[in-house]
Amino acid sequence: MTDLPEIVNQAWEEREGPVVLITVDPAGTPNAIYATCVSKFSADTLLIADNYFHKTRANILAGSYGGLLFITPAGKSYQIKGRLEYFTEGPLFDDMKRWNPTRLPGHAVAALRVEQVFAGAEQLA
């Protein structure tokens, strides 16, 4: 795992709109979803609430690596790639339950463990 560079931490705090979460199934078919319930847990872990995952959940449980794409108000895009883990209990799940809106189910939480970070085409980490 690697920590998010400071420029990406700042961009994360300023991001605009939902993020895009990308997974792949065992046959290599990509799946992309918009996710609005997201949070930075630590310098190397981002969390995505599983409120309505279906294909995404299946892909994660099958061992999918993933990517998360977001944009700033200035139009700068960032992509974070890494291993995905899925939790239905424990500290990461408990953290998600604190910030996920209570009107949403919060079945589980996906944790993206940062391995690569890009600003556009430029690799930052």
Protein backbone atom coordinates (compact mmCIF):
# COMPACT_ATOMS: atom_id res chain seq x y z
CA MET A 1 0.00 0.00 0.00
CA THR A 2 1.02 3.58 -0.51
CA ASP A 3 -0.16 6.86 1.01
CA LEU A 4 -2.07 9.37 -1.06
CA PRO A 5 0.15 12.31 -2.05
CA GLU A 6 -0.81 15.60 -0.37
CA ILE A 7 -2.07 17.10 -3.65
CA VAL A 8 -4.53 14.19 -3.93
CA ASN A 9 -5.61 14.55 -0.30
CA GLN A 10 -6.46 18.19 -1.00
CA ALA A 11 -8.23 17.31 -4.24
CA TRP A 12 -10.23 14.60 -2.43
CA GLU A 13 -11.53 17.18 0.05
CA GLU A 14 -12.60 19.43 -2.85
CA ARG A 15 -13.98 16.73 -5.17
CA GLU A 16 -17.14 17.47 -7.07
CA GLY A 17 -20.05 15.11 -7.59
CA PRO A 18 -19.97 11.35 -7.16
CA VAL A 19 -16.88 9.24 -7.66
CA VAL A 20 -16.70 6.43 -10.21
CA LEU A 21 -15.78 3.01 -8.82
CA ILE A 22 -14.47 0.46 -11.31
CA THR A 23 -14.21 -3.30 -10.73
CA VAL A 24 -13.77 -6.26 -13.06
CA ASP A 25 -15.37 -9.68 -13.02
CA PRO A 26 -13.34 -12.92 -13.21
CA ALA A 27 -13.68 -12.91 -17.04
CA GLY A 28 -12.15 -9.42 -17.21
CA THR A 29 -15.38 -7.53 -17.96
CA PRO A 30 -15.28 -4.07 -16.34
CA ASN A 31 -18.10 -2.66 -14.25
CA ALA A 32 -18.29 1.05 -13.36
CA ILE A 33 -20.70 2.66 -10.92
CA TYR A 34 -21.23 6.10 -9.46
CA ALA A 35 -20.76 6.19 -5.70
CA THR A 36 -21.78 9.10 -3.50
CA CYS A 37 -21.19 7.59 -0.06
CA VAL A 38 -17.41 7.60 0.19
CA SER A 39 -14.82 8.62 2.77
CA LYS A 40 -11.09 8.62 3.36
CA PHE A 41 -10.38 6.29 6.28
CA SER A 42 -6.60 6.74 6.37
CA ALA A 43 -3.72 7.91 4.21
CA ASP A 44 -3.82 4.63 2.26
CA THR A 45 -7.46 3.52 2.46
CA LEU A 46 -10.64 4.91 0.92
CA LEU A 47 -14.07 3.57 1.85
CA ILE A 48 -17.16 3.12 -0.31
CA ALA A 49 -20.49 2.23 1.33
CA ASP A 50 -22.29 -0.75 -0.17
CA ASN A 51 -25.80 0.62 -0.27
CA TYR A 52 -26.91 -1.01 -3.52
CA PHE A 53 -23.97 -2.99 -4.91
CA HIS A 54 -24.76 -6.05 -7.00
CA LYS A 55 -22.17 -6.69 -9.73
CA THR A 56 -19.69 -4.57 -7.77
CA ARG A 57 -20.11 -6.75 -4.67
CA ALA A 58 -19.73 -9.95 -6.71
CA ASN A 59 -16.58 -8.60 -8.37
CA ILE A 60 -15.02 -7.57 -5.05
CA LEU A 61 -15.81 -10.92 -3.44
CA ALA A 62 -14.24 -12.65 -6.47
CA GLY A 63 -10.97 -10.80 -5.80
CA SER A 64 -11.25 -7.79 -8.10
CA TYR A 65 -8.77 -5.00 -7.93
CA GLY A 66 -10.40 -1.66 -8.50
CA GLY A 67 -10.10 1.95 -9.42
CA LEU A 68 -11.72 5.08 -8.14
CA LEU A 69 -11.99 8.17 -10.35
CA PHE A 70 -12.95 11.65 -9.17
CA ILE A 71 -12.82 15.22 -10.42
CA THR A 72 -12.31 18.62 -8.81
CA PRO A 73 -14.32 21.80 -9.49
CA ALA A 74 -11.36 22.98 -11.61
CA GLY A 75 -11.78 19.92 -13.86
CA LYS A 76 -8.66 18.07 -12.64
CA SER A 77 -9.16 14.31 -12.56
CA TYR A 78 -7.52 11.80 -10.24
CA GLN A 79 -7.52 8.02 -10.35
CA ILE A 80 -6.66 5.73 -7.46
CA LYS A 81 -6.07 2.02 -8.04
CA GLY A 82 -5.60 -0.84 -5.63
CA ARG A 83 -6.82 -3.96 -3.94
CA LEU A 84 -10.44 -4.02 -2.79
CA GLU A 85 -11.62 -5.64 0.42
CA TYR A 86 -15.18 -6.09 1.66
CA PHE A 87 -16.33 -5.85 5.28
CA THR A 88 -19.65 -6.49 6.98
CA GLU A 89 -18.26 -5.90 10.47
CA GLY A 90 -15.23 -4.49 12.22
CA PRO A 91 -13.59 -1.04 12.44
CA LEU A 92 -13.99 -0.08 8.77
CA PHE A 93 -17.65 -1.14 8.76
CA ASP A 94 -18.26 0.78 12.01
CA ASP A 95 -16.62 3.86 10.51
CA MET A 96 -18.89 3.67 7.44
CA LYS A 97 -21.97 3.42 9.66
CA ARG A 98 -20.96 6.78 11.25
CA TRP A 99 -20.96 8.75 7.97
CA ASN A 100 -23.30 6.80 5.68
CA PRO A 101 -26.77 8.43 5.67
CA THR A 102 -29.16 6.53 7.95
CA ARG A 103 -31.80 6.43 5.18
CA LEU A 104 -29.46 4.13 3.19
CA PRO A 105 -28.93 0.46 4.08
CA GLY A 106 -25.12 0.38 4.45
CA HIS A 107 -24.99 -3.40 3.94
CA ALA A 108 -21.18 -3.38 4.01
CA VAL A 109 -18.16 -1.29 3.14
CA ALA A 110 -15.60 -1.71 0.37
CA ALA A 111 -12.07 -0.61 1.23
CA LEU A 112 -9.79 0.46 -1.60
CA ARG A 113 -6.17 -0.02 -0.47
CA VAL A 114 -4.13 2.55 -2.39
CA GLU A 115 -1.42 1.10 -4.65
CA GLN A 116 -1.24 3.57 -7.56
CA VAL A 117 -2.32 7.19 -7.89
CA PHE A 118 -2.66 9.25 -11.08
CA ALA A 119 -3.40 12.87 -11.91
CA GLY A 120 -4.71 12.53 -15.45
CA ALA A 121 -2.09 10.38 -17.20
CA GLU A 122 0.72 11.29 -14.76
CA GLN A 123 1.51 8.65 -12.15
CA LEU A 124 2.00 10.29 -8.73
CA ALA A 125 2.52 7.18 -6.60
